Amino acid sequence: MKESQDLELYFQGFVTPVFSLPDLPLAEEPHVGRWREYLRMRHDRDIFASLQERLPQLCIPQHPGISASAAYAAVMKRGALFSATDFNGRLTLERPDLLTLEIHSHFAGALPVLATTHREDFVRLVNAIGNRCEPATIPDGVHAKCIGGINNWDRVNLLHDLWNKGQVFKVPGERWGAALQRVAKEEPEIIRDRVVLLHQAPYGSVCYSDVPGMPDAATWLAASGKLRIEHEFTHYATKRIHGQMRSNMLDELIADCMGFTASLGAFSAALFRRCMGIDDKARIPQGARAWEYLQGLSQAEAMAVVDLTLKAAEHLQRALTMRPCPAGPGLVLGLTSLTLPQMAASDGVEIISSTLDRFAGEG
């Protein structure tokens, strides 16, 4: 089919080429240190109760239209204290005892990771942190999110205290509101966070019996956790290295390749297809994970993307079989320098292999 403008844009690779990396691991973003303190300050309480004291979005009940309410605007846009009376209740988790928080280290930089085995609680957390407390539907095949741009009023309040003392960016005659707006525009990382949310479940909702060499469900569940972490941190790596974290099948192929390699020791095109929810005839059932990355495309365009992606995955498996590459910076740099059409081309295996050779020394 003739390539439309939408497909041409979709097939565009990472627009900022990077040929080498600075010293690794990359420096932590400013919010990570504060999240380390959240771990220390939890005392004997569950982590959700502790975080609710600092992040008001974890307190706001989730109802359609809540983000357009005056109460939401007061709390999330102007920093007013959360009051259950104003919202007719408070957000709760069904199993807060299953929620964990860790700071995970990676060559792209450390990030806080909130994880739970309870699906409904995972959905609530995604909606609280990433969907402005609106009760959006999360596809069944999605079990992880790396969410940035999170307003952290706890950090804003700490910054306000420093500003009052004249210790940070105080301009004579400037009021706090104007100073905060300026900082939010010029240095958003000072007041905005990024976290990884995980639902601990079989990766891509795939049964262990469909994973080559997987002995049992418990082993697959453990491998899925490691796979999911590496997948999300690969997205974080593309954000920090290329300035982009995209909802695109190229990004998913790269992130799954990193995750499979880190957790299973090798990349499998067939397993990638299954984890995307694509059947062996390249059909995509409703609710499949793949639809998350095909939004905005027509049915014909989506099928063209899937066809190219599956060819690229097969070529990637063959290239990595001939030229093994560990899950590290070199693999990320090599694959992000390519596009889906390049990887799916008739000589895609050779293109991938020669590209990885150029980046073999990174990391």
Protein backbone atom coordinates (compact mmCIF):
# COMPACT_ATOMS: atom_id res chain seq x y z
CA MET A 1 0.00 0.00 0.00
CA LYS A 2 1.06 3.59 -0.60
CA GLU A 3 2.55 5.06 2.55
CA SER A 4 0.34 7.81 4.00
CA GLN A 5 1.63 10.85 5.84
CA ASP A 6 0.51 9.23 9.10
CA LEU A 7 2.56 6.12 8.35
CA GLU A 8 5.55 8.15 7.21
CA LEU A 9 5.50 9.96 10.54
CA TYR A 10 4.90 6.71 12.46
CA PHE A 11 7.87 4.99 10.81
CA GLN A 12 10.17 7.87 11.60
CA GLY A 13 12.90 6.78 13.97
CA PHE A 14 14.40 8.67 16.86
CA VAL A 15 15.08 12.09 15.43
CA THR A 16 18.10 12.96 17.58
CA PRO A 17 21.05 10.73 16.61
CA VAL A 18 23.40 9.73 19.42
CA PHE A 19 26.69 8.08 18.60
CA SER A 20 28.14 7.64 22.09
CA LEU A 21 27.05 8.00 25.69
CA PRO A 22 28.39 10.13 28.54
CA ASP A 23 29.64 8.47 31.71
CA LEU A 24 27.28 5.79 32.98
CA PRO A 25 25.10 5.44 34.88
CA LEU A 26 23.43 8.73 33.99
CA ALA A 27 22.89 11.08 36.94
CA GLU A 28 19.69 10.67 38.90
CA GLU A 29 16.91 13.18 38.33
CA PRO A 30 16.22 15.48 41.32
CA HIS A 31 13.06 13.72 42.51
CA VAL A 32 14.72 10.35 43.14
CA GLY A 33 16.39 11.53 46.34
CA ARG A 34 13.05 12.63 47.76
CA TRP A 35 11.53 9.23 46.98
CA ARG A 36 14.39 7.62 48.88
CA GLU A 37 13.26 9.71 51.83
CA TYR A 38 9.69 8.47 51.37
CA LEU A 39 11.01 4.96 51.92
CA ARG A 40 12.81 6.04 55.08
CA MET A 41 9.82 8.00 56.42
CA ARG A 42 7.25 5.22 56.11
CA HIS A 43 8.02 3.81 59.60
CA ASP A 44 5.56 0.99 60.36
CA ARG A 45 2.79 2.12 58.00
CA ASP A 46 2.03 0.68 54.59
CA ILE A 47 3.69 2.64 51.80
CA PHE A 48 0.37 3.81 50.32
CA ALA A 49 -0.73 5.53 53.52
CA SER A 50 2.68 7.18 53.76
CA LEU A 51 2.58 8.40 50.17
CA GLN A 52 -0.96 9.75 50.56
CA GLU A 53 0.40 12.27 53.06
CA ARG A 54 2.70 13.70 50.39
CA LEU A 55 0.99 13.13 47.03
CA PRO A 56 -2.62 14.42 47.03
CA GLN A 57 -3.43 12.71 43.72
CA LEU A 58 -3.26 9.44 45.67
CA CYS A 59 -6.07 10.72 47.91
CA ILE A 60 -8.56 11.96 45.31
CA PRO A 61 -11.45 9.52 44.61
CA GLN A 62 -11.76 8.56 40.96
CA HIS A 63 -14.99 9.57 39.24
CA PRO A 64 -15.69 10.62 35.63
CA GLY A 65 -15.11 14.36 35.30
CA ILE A 66 -13.27 14.71 38.63
CA SER A 67 -10.34 16.52 36.96
CA ALA A 68 -12.70 19.31 35.84
CA SER A 69 -14.01 19.93 39.36
CA ALA A 70 -13.22 22.97 41.48
CA ALA A 71 -11.97 20.72 44.30
CA TYR A 72 -9.47 19.03 41.96
CA ALA A 73 -8.24 22.38 40.64
CA ALA A 74 -7.74 23.71 44.16
CA VAL A 75 -5.64 20.72 45.22
CA MET A 76 -3.73 19.80 42.06
CA LYS A 77 -3.35 23.22 40.41
CA ARG A 78 -3.11 25.56 43.40
CA GLY A 79 -1.67 23.30 46.08
CA ALA A 80 -4.54 23.39 48.57
CA LEU A 81 -4.55 20.68 51.22
CA PHE A 82 -6.64 17.62 50.38
CA SER A 83 -9.87 17.34 52.36
CA ALA A 84 -12.02 14.22 52.16
CA THR A 85 -15.04 16.45 52.79
CA ASP A 86 -14.41 18.38 49.57
CA PHE A 87 -14.31 15.14 47.56
CA ASN A 88 -16.92 13.13 49.45
CA GLY A 89 -14.33 10.50 50.31
CA ARG A 90 -10.76 9.39 49.83
CA LEU A 91 -9.14 6.99 47.39
CA THR A 92 -8.47 3.54 48.82
CA LEU A 93 -6.66 0.46 47.56
CA GLU A 94 -8.21 -2.98 47.96
CA ARG A 95 -4.88 -4.49 49.03
CA PRO A 96 -2.51 -1.72 50.18
CA ASP A 97 -0.48 -4.38 51.97
CA LEU A 98 0.61 -5.74 48.57
CA LEU A 99 2.02 -2.42 47.36
CA THR A 100 5.82 -2.11 47.39
CA LEU A 101 8.21 0.74 46.66
CA GLU A 102 11.83 0.39 45.62
CA ILE A 103 14.40 2.62 43.98
CA HIS A 104 15.70 0.67 41.00
CA SER A 105 19.16 1.45 39.64
CA HIS A 106 19.85 1.44 35.89
CA PHE A 107 22.39 2.85 33.44
CA ALA A 108 19.72 5.40 32.41
CA GLY A 109 19.44 6.55 36.04
CA ALA A 110 17.52 5.31 39.08
CA LEU A 111 13.73 5.65 39.40
CA PRO A 112 11.12 4.84 42.06
CA VAL A 113 9.13 1.70 41.23
CA LEU A 114 5.68 1.08 42.73
CA ALA A 115 4.56 -2.52 42.26
CA THR A 116 1.54 -4.61 43.24
CA THR A 117 0.15 -8.04 42.42
CA HIS A 118 -3.41 -6.65 42.64
CA ARG A 119 -4.69 -5.66 39.20
CA GLU A 120 -7.40 -3.21 40.31
CA ASP A 121 -4.97 -1.39 42.57
CA PHE A 122 -2.51 -1.08 39.67
CA VAL A 123 -5.26 0.49 37.56
CA ARG A 124 -6.13 2.91 40.38
CA LEU A 125 -2.49 3.96 40.68
CA VAL A 126 -2.15 4.50 36.93
CA ASN A 127 -5.26 6.66 36.91
CA ALA A 128 -4.21 8.61 39.99
CA ILE A 129 -0.71 9.35 38.78
CA GLY A 130 -1.09 9.35 35.01
CA ASN A 131 -4.74 10.13 34.20
CA ARG A 132 -5.58 13.08 36.50
CA CYS A 133 -7.63 10.80 38.76
CA GLU A 134 -10.07 9.95 35.95
CA PRO A 135 -11.19 6.26 35.96
CA ALA A 136 -9.79 5.39 32.53
CA THR A 137 -9.77 1.80 31.23
CA ILE A 138 -6.35 0.15 31.02
CA PRO A 139 -6.08 -2.67 28.42
CA ASP A 140 -5.79 -6.12 30.00
CA GLY A 141 -2.42 -6.69 28.32
CA VAL A 142 -0.84 -3.59 29.89
CA HIS A 143 0.89 -4.29 33.18
CA ALA A 144 3.39 -1.44 33.46
CA LYS A 145 3.69 2.30 32.95
CA CYS A 146 6.60 4.71 33.15
CA ILE A 147 4.92 8.03 33.91
CA GLY A 148 6.63 11.42 33.94
CA GLY A 149 5.57 15.02 34.45
CA ILE A 150 3.94 14.19 37.81
CA ASN A 151 3.21 17.28 39.89
CA ASN A 152 4.67 16.69 43.35
CA TRP A 153 3.23 19.23 45.77
CA ASP A 154 5.39 17.84 48.55
CA ARG A 155 8.48 18.96 46.64
CA VAL A 156 6.82 22.26 45.72
CA ASN A 157 6.18 22.97 49.41
CA LEU A 158 9.78 22.16 50.30
CA LEU A 159 10.90 24.49 47.52
CA HIS A 160 8.60 27.21 48.83
CA ASP A 161 10.27 26.99 52.23
CA LEU A 162 13.70 27.39 50.64
CA TRP A 163 12.42 30.28 48.52
CA ASN A 164 11.09 32.04 51.63
CA LYS A 165 14.56 31.75 53.14
CA GLY A 166 16.12 33.22 50.01
CA GLN A 167 18.05 30.03 49.29
CA VAL A 168 16.74 29.34 45.77
CA PHE A 169 16.06 31.42 42.63
CA LYS A 170 14.66 34.45 44.45
CA VAL A 171 14.27 37.51 42.22
CA PRO A 172 13.75 40.89 43.94
CA GLY A 173 10.08 41.87 43.82
CA GLU A 174 8.91 38.52 42.39
CA ARG A 175 6.02 36.82 44.17
CA TRP A 176 6.04 33.10 44.90
CA GLY A 177 3.32 32.29 42.35
CA ALA A 178 5.26 33.95 39.55
CA ALA A 179 8.48 32.27 40.67
CA LEU A 180 6.78 28.86 40.68
CA GLN A 181 5.38 29.36 37.18
CA ARG A 182 8.81 30.37 35.92
CA VAL A 183 10.48 27.32 37.46
CA ALA A 184 7.76 24.98 36.14
CA LYS A 185 8.50 26.27 32.63
CA GLU A 186 12.30 26.55 32.79
CA GLU A 187 13.22 23.68 35.14
CA PRO A 188 10.21 21.36 35.46
CA GLU A 189 12.33 18.54 36.87
CA ILE A 190 12.61 20.53 40.11
CA ILE A 191 8.93 19.98 40.93
CA ARG A 192 7.83 17.11 38.67
CA ASP A 193 8.53 13.42 39.16
CA ARG A 194 8.77 10.23 37.14
CA VAL A 195 7.83 6.82 38.49
CA VAL A 196 7.42 3.29 37.16
CA LEU A 197 4.18 1.47 38.02
CA LEU A 198 4.12 -2.32 37.78
CA HIS A 199 1.47 -4.99 37.99
CA GLN A 200 3.25 -8.20 38.92
CA ALA A 201 1.72 -10.69 36.51
CA PRO A 202 2.83 -12.91 33.61
CA TYR A 203 4.31 -10.64 30.95
CA GLY A 204 1.84 -9.75 28.20
CA SER A 205 -0.68 -12.07 29.94
CA VAL A 206 1.16 -14.98 28.29
CA CYS A 207 1.04 -18.40 29.98
CA TYR A 208 4.39 -19.92 30.98
CA SER A 209 3.69 -22.93 28.72
CA ASP A 210 3.92 -20.58 25.70
CA VAL A 211 7.39 -19.40 26.72
CA PRO A 212 10.19 -21.57 25.27
CA GLY A 213 12.08 -23.40 27.99
CA MET A 214 9.97 -22.02 30.88
CA PRO A 215 9.52 -24.78 33.52
CA ASP A 216 6.63 -23.41 35.58
CA ALA A 217 4.37 -20.45 36.35
CA ALA A 218 6.40 -19.23 39.34
CA THR A 219 9.60 -19.02 37.30
CA TRP A 220 7.81 -17.15 34.53
CA LEU A 221 6.27 -14.71 37.02
CA ALA A 222 9.70 -13.91 38.43
CA ALA A 223 11.17 -13.52 34.94
CA SER A 224 8.23 -11.31 33.97
CA GLY A 225 9.07 -8.91 36.79
CA LYS A 226 12.66 -8.52 35.62
CA LEU A 227 11.53 -8.27 32.00
CA ARG A 228 9.00 -5.56 32.79
CA ILE A 229 11.51 -3.50 34.76
CA GLU A 230 14.05 -3.59 31.93
CA HIS A 231 11.33 -2.78 29.40
CA GLU A 232 10.19 0.34 31.25
CA PHE A 233 13.72 1.51 31.94
CA THR A 234 14.49 1.16 28.24
CA HIS A 235 11.74 3.70 27.56
CA TYR A 236 13.34 5.88 30.22
CA ALA A 237 16.69 5.46 28.48
CA THR A 238 15.28 6.69 25.16
CA LYS A 239 13.80 9.69 26.98
CA ARG A 240 17.11 10.63 28.55
CA ILE A 241 19.32 9.80 25.55
CA HIS A 242 17.09 10.90 22.66
CA GLY A 243 14.61 13.15 24.45
CA GLN A 244 11.71 10.91 23.36
CA MET A 245 9.49 8.34 25.07
CA ARG A 246 7.01 7.30 22.41
CA SER A 247 3.96 5.06 22.04
CA ASN A 248 5.26 3.31 18.94
CA MET A 249 5.86 -0.28 17.88
CA LEU A 250 9.55 0.44 17.25
CA ASP A 251 9.94 1.55 20.85
CA GLU A 252 8.07 -1.53 22.07
CA LEU A 253 10.19 -3.85 19.97
CA ILE A 254 13.38 -2.32 21.36
CA ALA A 255 12.10 -2.35 24.94
CA ASP A 256 10.91 -5.96 24.68
CA CYS A 257 14.22 -6.96 23.13
CA MET A 258 16.03 -5.46 26.12
CA GLY A 259 13.62 -7.08 28.55
CA PHE A 260 13.74 -10.53 26.95
CA THR A 261 17.53 -10.42 26.76
CA ALA A 262 17.91 -9.32 30.38
CA SER A 263 15.43 -11.82 31.84
CA LEU A 264 15.48 -14.77 29.43
CA GLY A 265 18.92 -14.47 27.87
CA ALA A 266 17.67 -14.09 24.29
CA PHE A 267 15.08 -12.33 22.14
CA SER A 268 12.25 -14.39 20.62
CA ALA A 269 10.14 -12.96 17.78
CA ALA A 270 7.38 -15.48 18.46
CA LEU A 271 7.23 -14.57 22.14
CA PHE A 272 7.24 -10.87 21.23
CA ARG A 273 4.21 -11.46 19.00
CA ARG A 274 2.37 -13.37 21.74
CA CYS A 275 3.16 -10.72 24.36
CA MET A 276 1.77 -8.08 22.01
CA GLY A 277 -1.47 -10.07 21.84
CA ILE A 278 -1.06 -10.68 18.09
CA ASP A 279 -2.14 -14.15 16.91
CA ASP A 280 -0.18 -16.34 14.49
CA LYS A 281 -2.14 -14.88 11.56
CA ALA A 282 -1.16 -11.31 12.52
CA ARG A 283 -4.66 -10.53 13.81
CA ILE A 284 -5.09 -8.30 16.84
CA PRO A 285 -8.04 -9.11 19.14
CA GLN A 286 -9.82 -6.34 20.98
CA GLY A 287 -8.02 -5.45 24.20
CA ALA A 288 -4.64 -6.70 22.95
CA ARG A 289 -1.61 -4.79 24.16
CA ALA A 290 -0.64 -3.90 20.57
CA TRP A 291 -3.58 -1.51 20.18
CA GLU A 292 -1.95 0.80 22.74
CA TYR A 293 0.72 1.61 20.16
CA LEU A 294 -1.45 1.88 17.05
CA GLN A 295 -3.77 4.66 18.15
CA GLY A 296 -4.59 7.28 15.54
CA LEU A 297 -4.00 4.91 12.62
CA SER A 298 -6.65 3.51 10.29
CA GLN A 299 -7.27 -0.25 10.28
CA ALA A 300 -5.23 -0.64 7.08
CA GLU A 301 -2.39 1.46 8.47
CA ALA A 302 -2.38 -0.48 11.74
CA MET A 303 -2.15 -3.78 9.86
CA ALA A 304 0.73 -2.41 7.77
CA VAL A 305 2.57 -1.44 10.95
CA VAL A 306 2.00 -4.88 12.48
CA ASP A 307 3.23 -6.65 9.34
CA LEU A 308 6.41 -4.58 9.28
CA THR A 309 6.95 -4.96 13.01
CA LEU A 310 6.72 -8.76 12.89
CA LYS A 311 9.22 -8.88 10.02
CA ALA A 312 11.53 -6.59 11.97
CA ALA A 313 11.21 -8.85 15.03
CA GLU A 314 12.15 -11.95 13.00
CA HIS A 315 15.19 -10.17 11.56
CA LEU A 316 16.18 -8.94 15.01
CA GLN A 317 16.06 -12.46 16.42
CA ARG A 318 18.23 -13.76 13.59
CA ALA A 319 20.71 -10.92 13.93
CA LEU A 320 21.07 -11.43 17.68
CA THR A 321 21.46 -15.19 17.21
CA MET A 322 24.40 -14.58 14.88
CA ARG A 323 25.75 -11.64 16.86
CA PRO A 324 24.71 -11.89 20.54
CA CYS A 325 24.54 -8.58 22.40
CA PRO A 326 23.86 -8.10 26.12
CA ALA A 327 21.01 -5.97 27.41
CA GLY A 328 22.93 -2.75 27.85
CA PRO A 329 23.65 0.70 26.41
CA GLY A 330 25.19 -0.66 23.20
CA LEU A 331 22.03 -2.58 22.30
CA VAL A 332 19.81 0.43 23.02
CA LEU A 333 22.00 2.83 21.03
CA GLY A 334 22.24 0.45 18.10
CA LEU A 335 18.54 -0.30 17.83
CA THR A 336 17.40 3.29 18.37
CA SER A 337 19.55 4.34 15.42
CA LEU A 338 17.36 2.22 13.13
CA THR A 339 13.76 2.42 11.90
CA LEU A 340 11.14 -0.30 11.53
CA PRO A 341 11.36 -0.21 7.70
CA GLN A 342 15.15 -0.62 7.88
CA MET A 343 14.88 -3.57 10.26
CA ALA A 344 12.12 -5.19 8.19
CA ALA A 345 13.88 -4.72 4.84
CA SER A 346 15.05 -7.74 2.84
CA ASP A 347 18.58 -7.11 4.11
CA GLY A 348 17.36 -6.18 7.61
CA VAL A 349 19.40 -8.89 9.34
CA GLU A 350 22.63 -7.50 7.88
CA ILE A 351 21.60 -3.92 8.68
CA ILE A 352 20.90 -4.81 12.32
CA SER A 353 24.11 -6.82 12.71
CA SER A 354 26.38 -4.16 11.22
CA THR A 355 24.69 -1.45 13.30
CA LEU A 356 25.17 -3.38 16.52
CA ASP A 357 28.81 -3.89 15.62
CA ARG A 358 29.29 -0.11 15.59
CA PHE A 359 27.87 0.23 19.11
CA ALA A 360 29.35 -2.93 20.61
CA GLY A 361 31.75 -1.02 22.87
CA GLU A 362 29.12 1.16 24.57
CA GLY A 363 28.47 0.37 28.19
